[in-house]
N, C-alpha and C. Protein backbone atom coordinates (compact mmCIF):
# COMPACT_ATOMS: atom_id res chain seq x y z
N MET A 1 -30.06 54.34 36.40
CA MET A 1 -29.03 55.06 37.10
C MET A 1 -27.64 54.53 36.74
N LYS A 2 -27.50 53.21 36.70
CA LYS A 2 -26.23 52.60 36.34
C LYS A 2 -25.85 52.95 34.91
N GLN A 3 -26.87 52.97 34.01
CA GLN A 3 -26.60 53.31 32.63
C GLN A 3 -26.01 54.70 32.51
N LYS A 4 -26.60 55.67 33.21
CA LYS A 4 -26.13 57.04 33.15
C LYS A 4 -24.72 57.15 33.72
N PHE A 5 -24.44 56.39 34.78
CA PHE A 5 -23.11 56.45 35.39
C PHE A 5 -22.04 55.95 34.43
N LEU A 6 -22.30 54.80 33.75
CA LEU A 6 -21.31 54.23 32.86
C LEU A 6 -21.07 55.11 31.64
N LEU A 7 -22.15 55.68 31.11
CA LEU A 7 -21.98 56.57 29.97
C LEU A 7 -21.21 57.83 30.37
N SER A 8 -21.48 58.35 31.55
CA SER A 8 -20.76 59.53 32.04
C SER A 8 -19.28 59.21 32.23
N LEU A 9 -18.99 57.97 32.69
CA LEU A 9 -17.60 57.56 32.91
C LEU A 9 -16.82 57.57 31.61
N LEU A 10 -17.46 57.16 30.52
CA LEU A 10 -16.77 57.17 29.23
C LEU A 10 -16.42 58.59 28.80
N PHE A 11 -17.32 59.55 29.05
CA PHE A 11 -17.04 60.94 28.72
C PHE A 11 -15.89 61.49 29.56
N VAL A 12 -15.83 61.11 30.82
CA VAL A 12 -14.74 61.57 31.68
C VAL A 12 -13.41 61.04 31.19
N CYS A 13 -13.38 59.76 30.81
CA CYS A 13 -12.14 59.16 30.31
C CYS A 13 -11.63 59.86 29.07
N MET A 14 -12.54 60.41 28.28
CA MET A 14 -12.15 61.10 27.06
C MET A 14 -11.21 62.25 27.33
N PHE A 15 -11.38 62.93 28.45
CA PHE A 15 -10.57 64.09 28.76
C PHE A 15 -9.27 63.73 29.49
N ILE A 16 -9.16 62.49 29.95
CA ILE A 16 -7.95 62.09 30.66
C ILE A 16 -6.81 61.85 29.69
N VAL A 17 -7.10 61.20 28.54
CA VAL A 17 -6.08 60.91 27.54
C VAL A 17 -6.50 61.57 26.24
N SER A 18 -5.59 62.25 25.56
CA SER A 18 -6.00 63.07 24.43
C SER A 18 -5.50 62.57 23.07
N SER A 19 -4.67 61.53 23.02
CA SER A 19 -4.14 61.08 21.73
C SER A 19 -5.24 60.42 20.90
N LYS A 20 -5.09 60.48 19.59
CA LYS A 20 -6.12 59.99 18.68
C LYS A 20 -5.98 58.49 18.43
N ALA A 21 -7.09 57.76 18.35
CA ALA A 21 -7.06 56.32 18.10
C ALA A 21 -8.13 55.97 17.07
N GLN A 22 -7.70 55.61 15.85
CA GLN A 22 -8.62 55.23 14.79
C GLN A 22 -8.70 53.71 14.69
N ILE A 23 -9.75 53.22 14.06
CA ILE A 23 -9.87 51.80 13.74
C ILE A 23 -9.49 51.68 12.27
N ASN A 24 -8.27 51.21 12.03
CA ASN A 24 -7.72 51.22 10.69
C ASN A 24 -8.10 49.98 9.90
N LYS A 25 -8.09 50.11 8.58
CA LYS A 25 -8.43 49.01 7.69
C LYS A 25 -7.53 47.80 7.97
N ASN A 26 -8.13 46.60 7.95
CA ASN A 26 -7.48 45.32 8.17
C ASN A 26 -7.19 45.02 9.64
N ALA A 27 -7.62 45.88 10.54
CA ALA A 27 -7.48 45.57 11.97
C ALA A 27 -8.43 44.42 12.32
N ILE A 28 -7.97 43.52 13.17
CA ILE A 28 -8.79 42.40 13.65
C ILE A 28 -9.47 42.84 14.94
N TRP A 29 -10.77 42.66 14.99
CA TRP A 29 -11.62 43.20 16.06
C TRP A 29 -12.14 42.03 16.90
N LEU A 30 -11.73 41.96 18.18
CA LEU A 30 -12.11 40.86 19.06
C LEU A 30 -12.77 41.39 20.31
N GLY A 31 -13.60 40.57 20.93
CA GLY A 31 -14.16 40.98 22.21
C GLY A 31 -15.56 40.45 22.41
N GLY A 32 -16.30 41.14 23.25
CA GLY A 32 -17.66 40.72 23.54
C GLY A 32 -18.30 41.64 24.54
N ASN A 33 -19.55 41.37 24.86
CA ASN A 33 -20.23 42.19 25.85
C ASN A 33 -21.09 41.30 26.73
N ILE A 34 -21.42 41.85 27.85
CA ILE A 34 -22.27 41.15 28.80
C ILE A 34 -23.39 42.11 29.22
N GLY A 35 -24.59 41.62 29.27
CA GLY A 35 -25.73 42.46 29.63
C GLY A 35 -26.58 41.81 30.71
N PHE A 36 -27.18 42.64 31.53
CA PHE A 36 -28.05 42.14 32.59
C PHE A 36 -29.23 43.09 32.73
N SER A 37 -30.42 42.52 32.90
CA SER A 37 -31.59 43.36 33.13
C SER A 37 -32.46 42.74 34.22
N GLN A 38 -33.17 43.59 34.94
CA GLN A 38 -34.09 43.15 35.98
C GLN A 38 -35.36 43.97 35.88
N ILE A 39 -36.49 43.28 35.82
CA ILE A 39 -37.80 43.94 35.68
C ILE A 39 -38.70 43.47 36.81
N LYS A 40 -39.34 44.44 37.47
CA LYS A 40 -40.29 44.11 38.53
C LYS A 40 -41.64 44.72 38.18
N ASN A 41 -42.69 43.92 38.32
CA ASN A 41 -44.04 44.38 38.05
C ASN A 41 -44.97 44.00 39.21
N ASN A 42 -45.88 44.87 39.54
CA ASN A 42 -46.89 44.60 40.55
C ASN A 42 -48.27 44.62 39.91
N TYR A 43 -49.01 43.53 40.09
CA TYR A 43 -50.36 43.42 39.52
C TYR A 43 -51.36 43.21 40.66
N GLU A 44 -52.60 43.61 40.38
CA GLU A 44 -53.65 43.37 41.36
C GLU A 44 -53.92 41.87 41.49
N GLN A 45 -54.15 41.43 42.70
CA GLN A 45 -54.48 40.03 43.00
C GLN A 45 -53.35 39.07 42.57
N GLN A 46 -52.12 39.55 42.61
CA GLN A 46 -50.99 38.71 42.23
C GLN A 46 -49.74 39.23 42.93
N ASP A 47 -48.87 38.30 43.37
CA ASP A 47 -47.62 38.69 43.99
C ASP A 47 -46.71 39.39 42.99
N GLU A 48 -45.71 40.07 43.50
CA GLU A 48 -44.78 40.79 42.64
C GLU A 48 -44.13 39.85 41.62
N ASN A 49 -44.11 40.31 40.38
CA ASN A 49 -43.50 39.56 39.29
C ASN A 49 -42.10 40.12 39.04
N LYS A 50 -41.08 39.27 39.09
CA LYS A 50 -39.70 39.73 38.91
C LYS A 50 -38.98 38.87 37.88
N THR A 51 -38.34 39.53 36.90
CA THR A 51 -37.60 38.84 35.86
C THR A 51 -36.14 39.28 35.87
N ASN A 52 -35.24 38.32 35.92
CA ASN A 52 -33.80 38.57 35.79
C ASN A 52 -33.32 37.91 34.51
N SER A 53 -32.50 38.61 33.72
CA SER A 53 -31.98 38.03 32.49
C SER A 53 -30.52 38.41 32.31
N LEU A 54 -29.78 37.50 31.70
CA LEU A 54 -28.35 37.68 31.45
C LEU A 54 -28.07 37.33 29.99
N SER A 55 -27.23 38.13 29.33
CA SER A 55 -26.87 37.85 27.94
C SER A 55 -25.36 37.97 27.74
N LEU A 56 -24.82 37.10 26.89
CA LEU A 56 -23.39 37.10 26.53
C LEU A 56 -23.28 37.10 25.02
N ARG A 57 -22.37 37.96 24.47
CA ARG A 57 -22.22 38.05 23.02
C ARG A 57 -20.74 38.21 22.64
N PRO A 58 -19.98 37.12 22.57
CA PRO A 58 -18.61 37.21 22.04
C PRO A 58 -18.66 37.42 20.53
N ALA A 59 -17.64 38.12 19.98
CA ALA A 59 -17.66 38.43 18.55
C ALA A 59 -16.25 38.59 18.02
N VAL A 60 -16.10 38.38 16.71
CA VAL A 60 -14.84 38.62 16.01
C VAL A 60 -15.17 39.30 14.69
N GLY A 61 -14.34 40.27 14.30
CA GLY A 61 -14.61 40.98 13.07
C GLY A 61 -13.34 41.50 12.41
N LEU A 62 -13.50 42.11 11.25
CA LEU A 62 -12.39 42.68 10.49
C LEU A 62 -12.80 44.07 10.02
N ALA A 63 -11.90 45.02 10.17
CA ALA A 63 -12.15 46.38 9.68
C ALA A 63 -11.97 46.37 8.16
N VAL A 64 -13.06 46.40 7.42
CA VAL A 64 -12.99 46.33 5.97
C VAL A 64 -12.56 47.67 5.37
N LYS A 65 -12.77 48.72 6.13
CA LYS A 65 -12.19 50.02 5.84
C LYS A 65 -12.17 50.81 7.14
N GLU A 66 -11.59 51.99 7.13
CA GLU A 66 -11.43 52.75 8.38
C GLU A 66 -12.78 52.97 9.06
N ASN A 67 -12.86 52.54 10.34
CA ASN A 67 -14.05 52.72 11.19
C ASN A 67 -15.27 51.92 10.75
N LEU A 68 -15.08 50.92 9.88
CA LEU A 68 -16.18 50.05 9.46
C LEU A 68 -15.76 48.60 9.68
N VAL A 69 -16.52 47.89 10.54
CA VAL A 69 -16.16 46.52 10.93
C VAL A 69 -17.28 45.57 10.53
N ALA A 70 -16.90 44.41 9.96
CA ALA A 70 -17.86 43.35 9.64
C ALA A 70 -17.38 42.07 10.31
N GLY A 71 -18.32 41.25 10.80
CA GLY A 71 -17.89 40.05 11.49
C GLY A 71 -19.03 39.12 11.87
N VAL A 72 -18.72 38.20 12.77
CA VAL A 72 -19.68 37.20 13.25
C VAL A 72 -19.74 37.25 14.77
N SER A 73 -20.86 36.86 15.33
CA SER A 73 -21.03 36.86 16.78
C SER A 73 -21.75 35.59 17.22
N LEU A 74 -21.53 35.22 18.47
CA LEU A 74 -22.27 34.15 19.11
C LEU A 74 -23.22 34.76 20.14
N ILE A 75 -24.35 34.11 20.37
CA ILE A 75 -25.38 34.68 21.24
C ILE A 75 -25.80 33.65 22.28
N TYR A 76 -25.82 34.07 23.53
CA TYR A 76 -26.35 33.21 24.58
C TYR A 76 -27.08 34.08 25.60
N SER A 77 -28.25 33.64 26.02
CA SER A 77 -28.98 34.38 27.05
C SER A 77 -29.80 33.42 27.89
N LYS A 78 -30.04 33.81 29.11
CA LYS A 78 -30.90 33.02 29.99
C LYS A 78 -31.67 33.97 30.89
N GLY A 79 -32.84 33.53 31.32
CA GLY A 79 -33.66 34.37 32.18
C GLY A 79 -34.55 33.54 33.09
N LYS A 80 -34.98 34.18 34.15
CA LYS A 80 -35.87 33.51 35.10
C LYS A 80 -36.89 34.53 35.60
N THR A 81 -38.16 34.12 35.61
CA THR A 81 -39.24 34.97 36.10
C THR A 81 -39.94 34.26 37.26
N ASP A 82 -40.04 34.93 38.39
CA ASP A 82 -40.76 34.40 39.55
C ASP A 82 -42.19 34.94 39.55
N ASN A 83 -43.12 34.13 40.02
CA ASN A 83 -44.54 34.50 40.08
C ASN A 83 -45.08 34.89 38.71
N TYR A 84 -44.77 34.05 37.73
CA TYR A 84 -45.19 34.30 36.35
C TYR A 84 -46.65 33.88 36.16
N GLY A 85 -47.44 34.78 35.59
CA GLY A 85 -48.85 34.47 35.32
C GLY A 85 -49.67 34.36 36.60
N TYR A 86 -50.93 33.99 36.42
CA TYR A 86 -51.85 33.93 37.58
C TYR A 86 -51.69 32.64 38.38
N THR A 87 -50.87 31.69 37.88
CA THR A 87 -50.64 30.46 38.63
C THR A 87 -49.44 30.59 39.56
N GLY A 88 -48.75 31.72 39.51
CA GLY A 88 -47.56 31.90 40.35
C GLY A 88 -46.42 31.00 39.93
N ALA A 89 -46.31 30.72 38.64
CA ALA A 89 -45.31 29.79 38.13
C ALA A 89 -43.92 30.40 38.14
N THR A 90 -42.93 29.53 38.00
CA THR A 90 -41.56 29.94 37.73
C THR A 90 -41.28 29.68 36.26
N LEU A 91 -40.84 30.70 35.54
CA LEU A 91 -40.55 30.57 34.12
C LEU A 91 -39.03 30.65 33.92
N LYS A 92 -38.46 29.62 33.29
CA LYS A 92 -37.04 29.60 32.97
C LYS A 92 -36.87 29.59 31.46
N GLU A 93 -36.01 30.49 30.95
CA GLU A 93 -35.81 30.63 29.52
C GLU A 93 -34.31 30.64 29.20
N ASN A 94 -33.97 30.12 28.03
CA ASN A 94 -32.61 30.27 27.52
C ASN A 94 -32.62 30.20 26.01
N SER A 95 -31.65 30.85 25.39
CA SER A 95 -31.53 30.85 23.94
C SER A 95 -30.06 30.92 23.55
N TYR A 96 -29.78 30.41 22.35
CA TYR A 96 -28.40 30.46 21.84
C TYR A 96 -28.44 30.49 20.33
N GLY A 97 -27.39 31.05 19.74
CA GLY A 97 -27.35 31.15 18.29
C GLY A 97 -26.17 31.97 17.84
N GLY A 98 -26.30 32.59 16.68
CA GLY A 98 -25.21 33.38 16.12
C GLY A 98 -25.73 34.37 15.10
N GLY A 99 -24.83 35.24 14.64
CA GLY A 99 -25.25 36.25 13.69
C GLY A 99 -24.11 36.84 12.90
N LEU A 100 -24.45 37.59 11.86
CA LEU A 100 -23.51 38.37 11.06
C LEU A 100 -23.81 39.84 11.29
N PHE A 101 -22.77 40.66 11.43
CA PHE A 101 -23.00 42.07 11.74
C PHE A 101 -22.09 42.98 10.95
N VAL A 102 -22.54 44.23 10.84
CA VAL A 102 -21.73 45.32 10.28
C VAL A 102 -21.86 46.48 11.25
N ARG A 103 -20.72 47.06 11.63
CA ARG A 103 -20.73 48.17 12.58
C ARG A 103 -19.99 49.37 12.01
N GLN A 104 -20.64 50.53 12.02
CA GLN A 104 -20.03 51.78 11.57
C GLN A 104 -19.75 52.68 12.78
N TYR A 105 -18.48 53.07 12.93
CA TYR A 105 -18.09 54.01 13.97
C TYR A 105 -18.09 55.42 13.41
N ILE A 106 -18.61 56.35 14.19
CA ILE A 106 -18.63 57.77 13.81
C ILE A 106 -17.82 58.55 14.84
N PRO A 107 -16.61 59.04 14.49
CA PRO A 107 -15.80 59.79 15.44
C PRO A 107 -16.51 61.07 15.89
N VAL A 108 -16.48 61.33 17.18
CA VAL A 108 -17.07 62.55 17.74
C VAL A 108 -15.97 63.54 18.07
N VAL A 109 -15.09 63.15 18.98
CA VAL A 109 -13.88 63.89 19.30
C VAL A 109 -12.79 62.84 19.52
N SER A 110 -11.60 63.28 19.89
CA SER A 110 -10.49 62.35 20.08
C SER A 110 -10.87 61.19 20.99
N ARG A 111 -10.77 59.96 20.43
CA ARG A 111 -11.00 58.70 21.13
C ARG A 111 -12.46 58.35 21.38
N LEU A 112 -13.38 59.24 21.13
CA LEU A 112 -14.79 58.97 21.43
C LEU A 112 -15.57 58.75 20.14
N TYR A 113 -16.38 57.70 20.09
CA TYR A 113 -17.17 57.36 18.92
C TYR A 113 -18.62 57.09 19.31
N PHE A 114 -19.52 57.44 18.43
CA PHE A 114 -20.84 56.83 18.41
C PHE A 114 -20.78 55.71 17.39
N PHE A 115 -21.60 54.67 17.57
CA PHE A 115 -21.64 53.62 16.56
C PHE A 115 -23.04 53.08 16.39
N GLY A 116 -23.27 52.53 15.22
CA GLY A 116 -24.52 51.83 14.94
C GLY A 116 -24.16 50.46 14.39
N GLU A 117 -24.79 49.42 14.92
CA GLU A 117 -24.48 48.05 14.49
C GLU A 117 -25.75 47.37 13.97
N ALA A 118 -25.70 46.90 12.74
CA ALA A 118 -26.80 46.13 12.15
C ALA A 118 -26.43 44.66 12.18
N GLU A 119 -27.36 43.80 12.60
CA GLU A 119 -27.06 42.39 12.74
C GLU A 119 -28.23 41.54 12.26
N ALA A 120 -27.91 40.47 11.55
CA ALA A 120 -28.88 39.44 11.19
C ALA A 120 -28.53 38.21 12.01
N ALA A 121 -29.46 37.72 12.81
CA ALA A 121 -29.15 36.64 13.75
C ALA A 121 -30.21 35.55 13.72
N TYR A 122 -29.79 34.36 14.14
CA TYR A 122 -30.69 33.21 14.26
C TYR A 122 -30.48 32.62 15.65
N THR A 123 -31.54 32.43 16.39
CA THR A 123 -31.43 31.87 17.75
C THR A 123 -32.43 30.75 17.96
N VAL A 124 -32.03 29.79 18.75
CA VAL A 124 -32.89 28.70 19.19
C VAL A 124 -33.36 29.01 20.60
N TYR A 125 -34.64 28.83 20.84
CA TYR A 125 -35.26 29.23 22.11
C TYR A 125 -35.84 28.03 22.85
N ARG A 126 -35.65 28.01 24.16
CA ARG A 126 -36.23 26.98 25.02
C ARG A 126 -36.76 27.64 26.29
N SER A 127 -37.92 27.18 26.76
CA SER A 127 -38.44 27.68 28.03
C SER A 127 -39.22 26.59 28.74
N LYS A 128 -39.32 26.73 30.05
CA LYS A 128 -40.10 25.80 30.87
C LYS A 128 -40.86 26.61 31.91
N GLU A 129 -42.18 26.45 31.88
CA GLU A 129 -43.07 27.12 32.83
C GLU A 129 -43.50 26.10 33.89
N ILE A 130 -43.13 26.38 35.14
CA ILE A 130 -43.36 25.41 36.21
C ILE A 130 -44.34 26.01 37.23
N PRO A 131 -45.64 25.73 37.07
CA PRO A 131 -46.64 26.24 38.03
C PRO A 131 -46.53 25.50 39.36
N LYS A 132 -47.17 26.05 40.37
CA LYS A 132 -47.14 25.42 41.69
C LYS A 132 -47.99 24.16 41.74
N ASN A 133 -49.18 24.21 41.12
CA ASN A 133 -50.09 23.06 41.22
C ASN A 133 -50.69 22.66 39.87
N ASN A 134 -50.00 22.97 38.78
CA ASN A 134 -50.51 22.66 37.45
C ASN A 134 -49.43 21.96 36.62
N PRO A 135 -49.80 21.39 35.47
CA PRO A 135 -48.81 20.71 34.63
C PRO A 135 -47.73 21.67 34.11
N VAL A 136 -46.55 21.13 33.93
CA VAL A 136 -45.43 21.90 33.38
C VAL A 136 -45.64 22.13 31.89
N THR A 137 -45.33 23.32 31.42
CA THR A 137 -45.42 23.66 30.00
C THR A 137 -44.03 23.97 29.45
N GLU A 138 -43.67 23.30 28.36
CA GLU A 138 -42.38 23.54 27.71
C GLU A 138 -42.61 24.16 26.33
N THR A 139 -41.74 25.11 25.98
CA THR A 139 -41.81 25.76 24.68
C THR A 139 -40.45 25.67 24.00
N LYS A 140 -40.46 25.24 22.72
CA LYS A 140 -39.24 25.16 21.93
C LYS A 140 -39.48 25.83 20.59
N GLY A 141 -38.44 26.48 20.06
CA GLY A 141 -38.62 27.13 18.77
C GLY A 141 -37.38 27.87 18.32
N TRP A 142 -37.55 28.74 17.33
CA TRP A 142 -36.44 29.51 16.80
C TRP A 142 -36.93 30.90 16.38
N PHE A 143 -35.97 31.83 16.29
CA PHE A 143 -36.28 33.19 15.87
C PHE A 143 -35.20 33.70 14.93
N ALA A 144 -35.63 34.39 13.87
CA ALA A 144 -34.72 35.09 12.97
C ALA A 144 -34.92 36.58 13.21
N THR A 145 -33.83 37.31 13.43
CA THR A 145 -33.93 38.71 13.84
C THR A 145 -33.02 39.61 13.01
N LEU A 146 -33.56 40.76 12.61
CA LEU A 146 -32.76 41.86 12.07
C LEU A 146 -32.81 42.97 13.10
N GLY A 147 -31.64 43.38 13.60
CA GLY A 147 -31.64 44.37 14.67
C GLY A 147 -30.63 45.48 14.46
N LEU A 148 -30.88 46.61 15.10
CA LEU A 148 -29.96 47.74 15.08
C LEU A 148 -29.67 48.14 16.51
N SER A 149 -28.37 48.17 16.85
CA SER A 149 -27.95 48.46 18.21
C SER A 149 -27.06 49.71 18.23
N PRO A 150 -27.51 50.80 18.82
CA PRO A 150 -26.68 52.00 18.93
C PRO A 150 -25.84 51.96 20.20
N GLY A 151 -24.76 52.73 20.21
CA GLY A 151 -23.93 52.77 21.41
C GLY A 151 -22.86 53.83 21.34
N ILE A 152 -22.00 53.82 22.34
CA ILE A 152 -20.91 54.77 22.45
C ILE A 152 -19.66 54.00 22.81
N SER A 153 -18.51 54.39 22.23
CA SER A 153 -17.25 53.67 22.43
C SER A 153 -16.13 54.65 22.74
N PHE A 154 -15.23 54.24 23.65
CA PHE A 154 -14.08 55.05 24.00
C PHE A 154 -12.80 54.25 23.79
N GLY A 155 -11.86 54.80 23.01
CA GLY A 155 -10.59 54.13 22.76
C GLY A 155 -9.59 54.42 23.86
N VAL A 156 -9.35 53.44 24.73
CA VAL A 156 -8.34 53.60 25.79
C VAL A 156 -6.98 53.82 25.14
N ASN A 157 -6.70 53.05 24.10
CA ASN A 157 -5.52 53.25 23.25
C ASN A 157 -5.86 52.66 21.88
N LYS A 158 -4.84 52.44 21.04
CA LYS A 158 -5.10 51.94 19.69
C LYS A 158 -5.59 50.50 19.67
N ARG A 159 -5.45 49.79 20.79
CA ARG A 159 -5.77 48.36 20.80
C ARG A 159 -6.90 47.97 21.75
N VAL A 160 -7.37 48.88 22.59
CA VAL A 160 -8.40 48.55 23.56
C VAL A 160 -9.50 49.60 23.53
N GLN A 161 -10.75 49.13 23.50
CA GLN A 161 -11.91 50.02 23.53
C GLN A 161 -12.89 49.56 24.60
N LEU A 162 -13.51 50.55 25.25
CA LEU A 162 -14.61 50.29 26.17
C LEU A 162 -15.88 50.82 25.52
N GLU A 163 -16.99 50.13 25.71
CA GLU A 163 -18.22 50.58 25.07
C GLU A 163 -19.44 50.23 25.89
N SER A 164 -20.52 50.92 25.61
CA SER A 164 -21.82 50.58 26.19
C SER A 164 -22.89 50.90 25.15
N GLY A 165 -24.03 50.22 25.26
CA GLY A 165 -25.08 50.44 24.28
C GLY A 165 -26.34 49.67 24.63
N LEU A 166 -27.24 49.57 23.66
CA LEU A 166 -28.51 48.87 23.82
C LEU A 166 -28.63 47.81 22.74
N ASN A 167 -28.73 46.54 23.14
CA ASN A 167 -28.87 45.45 22.19
C ASN A 167 -30.23 45.48 21.51
N ASN A 168 -30.21 45.50 20.16
CA ASN A 168 -31.45 45.42 19.38
C ASN A 168 -32.51 46.41 19.85
N LEU A 169 -32.11 47.67 19.97
CA LEU A 169 -33.08 48.70 20.32
C LEU A 169 -34.18 48.78 19.26
N PHE A 170 -33.79 48.67 17.99
CA PHE A 170 -34.74 48.59 16.89
C PHE A 170 -34.62 47.18 16.31
N GLN A 171 -35.77 46.50 16.11
CA GLN A 171 -35.65 45.14 15.59
C GLN A 171 -36.88 44.68 14.81
N LEU A 172 -36.61 43.72 13.93
CA LEU A 172 -37.63 43.03 13.14
C LEU A 172 -37.41 41.54 13.41
N GLN A 173 -38.45 40.84 13.85
CA GLN A 173 -38.27 39.45 14.27
C GLN A 173 -39.41 38.55 13.79
N TYR A 174 -39.01 37.36 13.33
CA TYR A 174 -39.98 36.34 12.93
C TYR A 174 -39.57 35.01 13.56
N GLY A 175 -40.54 34.24 14.03
CA GLY A 175 -40.17 32.99 14.66
C GLY A 175 -41.32 32.01 14.74
N LYS A 176 -40.97 30.76 15.03
CA LYS A 176 -41.95 29.70 15.24
C LYS A 176 -41.60 28.94 16.51
N THR A 177 -42.60 28.65 17.30
CA THR A 177 -42.40 27.89 18.53
C THR A 177 -43.48 26.82 18.67
N LYS A 178 -43.17 25.81 19.45
CA LYS A 178 -44.13 24.75 19.75
C LYS A 178 -44.27 24.66 21.26
N ARG A 179 -45.49 24.79 21.72
CA ARG A 179 -45.79 24.81 23.15
C ARG A 179 -46.43 23.47 23.55
N LYS A 180 -45.86 22.82 24.55
CA LYS A 180 -46.32 21.51 24.95
C LYS A 180 -46.56 21.47 26.46
N THR A 181 -47.76 21.04 26.84
CA THR A 181 -48.11 20.91 28.25
C THR A 181 -48.23 19.43 28.61
N ASP A 182 -47.89 19.09 29.83
CA ASP A 182 -47.90 17.69 30.26
C ASP A 182 -49.32 17.15 30.48
N ILE A 183 -50.18 17.41 29.53
CA ILE A 183 -51.53 16.83 29.54
C ILE A 183 -51.91 16.52 28.10
N THR A 184 -52.81 15.60 27.88
CA THR A 184 -53.21 15.22 26.54
C THR A 184 -53.90 16.39 25.83
N GLY A 185 -53.48 16.64 24.58
CA GLY A 185 -54.10 17.71 23.81
C GLY A 185 -53.59 19.09 24.17
N GLY A 186 -52.44 19.16 24.84
CA GLY A 186 -51.93 20.45 25.27
C GLY A 186 -50.93 21.08 24.34
N ASP A 187 -50.74 20.53 23.11
CA ASP A 187 -49.75 21.06 22.18
C ASP A 187 -50.33 22.22 21.37
N ALA A 188 -49.42 23.16 21.00
CA ALA A 188 -49.85 24.29 20.16
C ALA A 188 -48.65 24.82 19.39
N ASP A 189 -48.81 25.00 18.08
CA ASP A 189 -47.78 25.62 17.24
C ASP A 189 -48.08 27.11 17.14
N ILE A 190 -47.05 27.93 17.37
CA ILE A 190 -47.24 29.38 17.41
C ILE A 190 -46.27 30.04 16.44
N GLU A 191 -46.79 30.91 15.60
CA GLU A 191 -45.97 31.67 14.66
C GLU A 191 -46.05 33.14 15.06
N THR A 192 -44.90 33.80 15.18
CA THR A 192 -44.89 35.19 15.65
C THR A 192 -44.11 36.09 14.71
N PHE A 193 -44.53 37.34 14.67
CA PHE A 193 -43.82 38.38 13.92
C PHE A 193 -43.92 39.66 14.72
N SER A 194 -42.80 40.36 14.84
CA SER A 194 -42.80 41.63 15.57
C SER A 194 -41.82 42.60 14.94
N ALA A 195 -42.10 43.89 15.10
CA ALA A 195 -41.23 44.93 14.57
C ALA A 195 -41.42 46.18 15.40
N GLY A 196 -40.32 46.92 15.56
CA GLY A 196 -40.45 48.19 16.28
C GLY A 196 -39.29 48.45 17.22
N ILE A 197 -39.57 49.26 18.25
CA ILE A 197 -38.57 49.68 19.22
C ILE A 197 -38.82 48.94 20.52
N ASN A 198 -37.76 48.41 21.11
CA ASN A 198 -37.88 47.67 22.35
C ASN A 198 -37.75 48.60 23.55
N PHE A 199 -38.71 48.54 24.45
CA PHE A 199 -38.68 49.32 25.68
C PHE A 199 -38.84 48.41 26.88
N GLU A 200 -38.86 49.00 28.06
CA GLU A 200 -39.17 48.30 29.31
C GLU A 200 -38.28 47.09 29.56
N GLY A 201 -36.95 47.29 29.31
CA GLY A 201 -36.00 46.24 29.64
C GLY A 201 -35.86 45.14 28.61
N GLN A 202 -36.67 45.16 27.52
CA GLN A 202 -36.55 44.13 26.51
C GLN A 202 -35.31 44.36 25.64
N SER A 203 -34.73 45.55 25.69
CA SER A 203 -33.48 45.84 24.99
C SER A 203 -32.41 46.12 26.04
N PRO A 204 -31.77 45.06 26.58
CA PRO A 204 -30.90 45.23 27.74
C PRO A 204 -29.68 46.08 27.47
N PHE A 205 -29.38 46.94 28.43
CA PHE A 205 -28.17 47.74 28.41
C PHE A 205 -26.98 46.81 28.66
N TYR A 206 -25.86 47.08 27.99
CA TYR A 206 -24.70 46.22 28.18
C TYR A 206 -23.42 47.04 28.28
N PHE A 207 -22.39 46.40 28.79
CA PHE A 207 -21.05 46.97 28.83
C PHE A 207 -20.11 45.99 28.16
N GLY A 208 -19.19 46.48 27.31
CA GLY A 208 -18.31 45.58 26.59
C GLY A 208 -16.89 46.09 26.46
N VAL A 209 -15.98 45.18 26.13
CA VAL A 209 -14.58 45.49 25.87
C VAL A 209 -14.21 44.93 24.51
N ARG A 210 -13.49 45.72 23.68
CA ARG A 210 -13.04 45.28 22.37
C ARG A 210 -11.53 45.41 22.28
N PHE A 211 -10.92 44.44 21.60
CA PHE A 211 -9.48 44.46 21.38
C PHE A 211 -9.22 44.52 19.88
N LEU A 212 -8.28 45.38 19.48
CA LEU A 212 -7.94 45.56 18.09
C LEU A 212 -6.51 45.06 17.86
N LEU A 213 -6.38 44.04 17.00
CA LEU A 213 -5.08 43.51 16.64
C LEU A 213 -4.70 44.03 15.25
N ASN A 214 -3.43 44.22 15.04
CA ASN A 214 -2.94 44.70 13.74
C ASN A 214 -3.52 46.07 13.38
N ASN A 215 -3.78 46.87 14.40
CA ASN A 215 -4.36 48.21 14.16
C ASN A 215 -3.23 49.21 13.93
N LYS A 216 -2.62 49.14 12.79
CA LYS A 216 -1.48 49.98 12.47
C LYS A 216 -1.93 51.33 11.91
N GLY A 217 -1.02 52.29 11.99
CA GLY A 217 -1.31 53.61 11.43
C GLY A 217 -1.32 54.68 12.45
C-alpha cells in the first residue's frame, strides 16, 4: 500500500511543475536511499515469525553523457528475525560493502523518468542465531552480486530528484560463509549460488533523494 502511495505521489508532482529537467553530461550525482521491509509468516506448531530489515545506500556518480550516470555506492543493511526456526531463536544479521553501478534514465514526460541500474557489488555478511535453550550459532562470509534495480524518478528541479524503486529485483549472487556453533564439531563451510527474481520482501522497496551539481544546460 505504501509503495503504491509513493509512486502515485510522484505522478501527481509531475503535473504540478511543468518545466523540463535533464541530467546533463558532466553533472555530479550525489545522494542515497533508505529501504525498510517487514515480513510476517505463520507456521503450524510455531509462533509467528517476523523479520524487520533496514538498508542504507549512499552513492556518488558522474553523468558520462546525457541521462547516463556511472559511479560508486556504499552498502549497509541490518535485520532481525523473531521466533526464527523451530527453536524460537532470535536471528540478527548485518552486512556492509560497496559497488560500482551504471544507471540509464529514460525520459517519459517532462521531469518524469524510468530508470534501470546495473550494479556489481561485494558485501561482507555477519549473523548470530540466538536460540532460547540451545548453543549460539554465528555465520560469517561474503557475497558477490550482479543486480538490476528498476525504478521511477521525478525531477523537482534541475538539481533535486525524488525516486523510488526495488533494490536488486533481478540478481545473480555467489558467496561463501562459515557457520560456527558453540559446541565441538559445529563448524560448516557453505558455498552458495543464486540467480533470478527476488520476491516476498527480499527485494526491498526504497525511497531516495538525488542531488545534481554542475547540471548546466
